Amino acid sequence: MSDIDPRLLEILVCPVTKKPLRYDRATQELISEAGKLAFPIRDGIPIMLVDEARKLDG
């Protein structure tokens, strides 16, 4: 598993809420706490499409 570039994480925001994202290394996802969505990272590329995001409980 590779980590996401911290500079990339600084500029990416949730496409729904425009709020910052948190990187979850274990699941290889970018988490939008505000939007309750988890965006997958495939082959090191964040997939920032709402249709591809997993809904988080709560």
N, C-alpha and C. Protein backbone atom coordinates (compact mmCIF):
# COMPACT_ATOMS: atom_id res chain seq x y z
N MET A 1 0.84 -1.19 0.00
CA MET A 1 0.00 0.00 0.00
C MET A 1 0.88 1.24 0.00
N SER A 2 0.56 2.17 -0.85
CA SER A 2 1.32 3.41 -0.86
C SER A 2 0.45 4.54 -0.31
N ASP A 3 1.13 5.47 0.32
CA ASP A 3 0.42 6.63 0.86
C ASP A 3 0.15 7.63 -0.25
N ILE A 4 -0.86 8.45 -0.03
CA ILE A 4 -1.18 9.50 -0.99
C ILE A 4 -0.24 10.68 -0.74
N ASP A 5 0.11 11.38 -1.79
CA ASP A 5 0.99 12.54 -1.68
C ASP A 5 0.32 13.60 -0.79
N PRO A 6 0.99 14.02 0.27
CA PRO A 6 0.40 15.01 1.19
C PRO A 6 0.03 16.32 0.49
N ARG A 7 0.78 16.69 -0.55
CA ARG A 7 0.45 17.92 -1.29
C ARG A 7 -0.87 17.78 -2.03
N LEU A 8 -1.15 16.58 -2.53
CA LEU A 8 -2.42 16.32 -3.20
C LEU A 8 -3.57 16.41 -2.20
N LEU A 9 -3.35 15.85 -1.03
CA LEU A 9 -4.39 15.86 0.01
C LEU A 9 -4.71 17.29 0.44
N GLU A 10 -3.73 18.18 0.39
CA GLU A 10 -3.95 19.58 0.77
C GLU A 10 -4.89 20.30 -0.20
N ILE A 11 -4.89 19.90 -1.47
CA ILE A 11 -5.70 20.63 -2.45
C ILE A 11 -7.03 19.95 -2.78
N LEU A 12 -7.14 18.65 -2.50
CA LEU A 12 -8.39 17.95 -2.79
C LEU A 12 -9.44 18.27 -1.74
N VAL A 13 -10.67 18.45 -2.18
CA VAL A 13 -11.80 18.63 -1.27
C VAL A 13 -12.94 17.73 -1.73
N CYS A 14 -13.89 17.52 -0.87
CA CYS A 14 -15.07 16.74 -1.21
C CYS A 14 -15.83 17.46 -2.32
N PRO A 15 -16.19 16.76 -3.40
CA PRO A 15 -16.92 17.42 -4.49
C PRO A 15 -18.34 17.84 -4.09
N VAL A 16 -18.86 17.29 -3.00
CA VAL A 16 -20.22 17.62 -2.56
C VAL A 16 -20.19 18.80 -1.59
N THR A 17 -19.36 18.71 -0.55
CA THR A 17 -19.37 19.72 0.51
C THR A 17 -18.29 20.78 0.36
N LYS A 18 -17.29 20.50 -0.46
CA LYS A 18 -16.12 21.38 -0.64
C LYS A 18 -15.29 21.49 0.64
N LYS A 19 -15.44 20.52 1.54
CA LYS A 19 -14.69 20.47 2.79
C LYS A 19 -13.47 19.55 2.61
N PRO A 20 -12.47 19.70 3.50
CA PRO A 20 -11.27 18.86 3.42
C PRO A 20 -11.58 17.37 3.58
N LEU A 21 -10.67 16.56 3.08
CA LEU A 21 -10.79 15.11 3.14
C LEU A 21 -9.73 14.54 4.07
N ARG A 22 -10.02 13.38 4.64
CA ARG A 22 -9.07 12.67 5.49
C ARG A 22 -8.69 11.39 4.77
N TYR A 23 -7.39 11.10 4.76
CA TYR A 23 -6.89 9.89 4.12
C TYR A 23 -6.95 8.71 5.09
N ASP A 24 -7.60 7.63 4.69
CA ASP A 24 -7.64 6.41 5.49
C ASP A 24 -6.74 5.39 4.81
N ARG A 25 -5.57 5.18 5.39
CA ARG A 25 -4.57 4.31 4.79
C ARG A 25 -5.04 2.85 4.75
N ALA A 26 -5.74 2.42 5.79
CA ALA A 26 -6.18 1.02 5.88
C ALA A 26 -7.13 0.65 4.74
N THR A 27 -8.05 1.54 4.42
CA THR A 27 -9.04 1.24 3.38
C THR A 27 -8.69 1.84 2.02
N GLN A 28 -7.59 2.65 1.97
CA GLN A 28 -7.21 3.33 0.74
C GLN A 28 -8.37 4.16 0.21
N GLU A 29 -8.89 5.03 1.08
CA GLU A 29 -10.01 5.90 0.72
C GLU A 29 -9.75 7.30 1.24
N LEU A 30 -10.38 8.27 0.59
CA LEU A 30 -10.42 9.63 1.09
C LEU A 30 -11.79 9.83 1.71
N ILE A 31 -11.80 10.21 2.97
CA ILE A 31 -13.03 10.28 3.74
C ILE A 31 -13.51 11.73 3.84
N SER A 32 -14.77 11.93 3.50
CA SER A 32 -15.43 13.22 3.71
C SER A 32 -16.31 13.07 4.93
N GLU A 33 -15.84 13.60 6.06
CA GLU A 33 -16.63 13.52 7.30
C GLU A 33 -17.93 14.31 7.13
N ALA A 34 -17.85 15.49 6.52
CA ALA A 34 -19.03 16.35 6.36
C ALA A 34 -20.06 15.71 5.42
N GLY A 35 -19.59 15.09 4.36
CA GLY A 35 -20.50 14.49 3.38
C GLY A 35 -20.84 13.04 3.66
N LYS A 36 -20.16 12.46 4.66
CA LYS A 36 -20.37 11.05 5.02
C LYS A 36 -20.16 10.13 3.81
N LEU A 37 -19.06 10.41 3.08
CA LEU A 37 -18.71 9.63 1.90
C LEU A 37 -17.26 9.20 1.97
N ALA A 38 -16.96 8.06 1.34
CA ALA A 38 -15.59 7.58 1.24
C ALA A 38 -15.28 7.38 -0.24
N PHE A 39 -14.29 8.12 -0.73
CA PHE A 39 -13.90 8.06 -2.13
C PHE A 39 -12.72 7.10 -2.28
N PRO A 40 -12.82 6.13 -3.18
CA PRO A 40 -11.75 5.14 -3.32
C PRO A 40 -10.50 5.71 -3.98
N ILE A 41 -9.37 5.09 -3.68
CA ILE A 41 -8.11 5.39 -4.36
C ILE A 41 -7.72 4.12 -5.09
N ARG A 42 -7.65 4.21 -6.41
CA ARG A 42 -7.30 3.05 -7.24
C ARG A 42 -6.00 3.31 -7.97
N ASP A 43 -5.05 2.42 -7.79
CA ASP A 43 -3.73 2.56 -8.43
C ASP A 43 -3.12 3.92 -8.14
N GLY A 44 -3.34 4.41 -6.91
CA GLY A 44 -2.76 5.69 -6.50
C GLY A 44 -3.53 6.91 -6.96
N ILE A 45 -4.67 6.70 -7.62
CA ILE A 45 -5.46 7.81 -8.16
C ILE A 45 -6.78 7.93 -7.40
N PRO A 46 -7.02 9.09 -6.76
CA PRO A 46 -8.29 9.29 -6.08
C PRO A 46 -9.44 9.37 -7.09
N ILE A 47 -10.48 8.61 -6.86
CA ILE A 47 -11.67 8.63 -7.73
C ILE A 47 -12.70 9.52 -7.04
N MET A 48 -12.78 10.76 -7.51
CA MET A 48 -13.59 11.77 -6.83
C MET A 48 -14.99 11.91 -7.44
N LEU A 49 -15.57 10.80 -7.84
CA LEU A 49 -16.92 10.79 -8.41
C LEU A 49 -17.91 10.34 -7.34
N VAL A 50 -18.97 11.09 -7.16
CA VAL A 50 -19.97 10.76 -6.15
C VAL A 50 -20.56 9.38 -6.40
N ASP A 51 -20.74 9.02 -7.66
CA ASP A 51 -21.30 7.70 -7.99
C ASP A 51 -20.38 6.56 -7.58
N GLU A 52 -19.09 6.83 -7.44
CA GLU A 52 -18.12 5.80 -7.04
C GLU A 52 -17.89 5.77 -5.53
N ALA A 53 -18.39 6.77 -4.83
CA ALA A 53 -18.15 6.88 -3.39
C ALA A 53 -19.01 5.90 -2.61
N ARG A 54 -18.46 5.49 -1.47
CA ARG A 54 -19.20 4.62 -0.55
C ARG A 54 -19.81 5.50 0.54
N LYS A 55 -21.10 5.27 0.83
CA LYS A 55 -21.76 6.03 1.88
C LYS A 55 -21.32 5.51 3.24
N LEU A 56 -21.04 6.43 4.15
CA LEU A 56 -20.64 6.07 5.50
C LEU A 56 -21.85 6.10 6.42
N ASP A 57 -21.88 5.20 7.37
CA ASP A 57 -22.97 5.16 8.33
C ASP A 57 -22.85 6.32 9.32
N GLY A 58 -24.01 6.78 9.79
CA GLY A 58 -24.01 7.79 10.83
C GLY A 58 -24.23 9.10 10.30
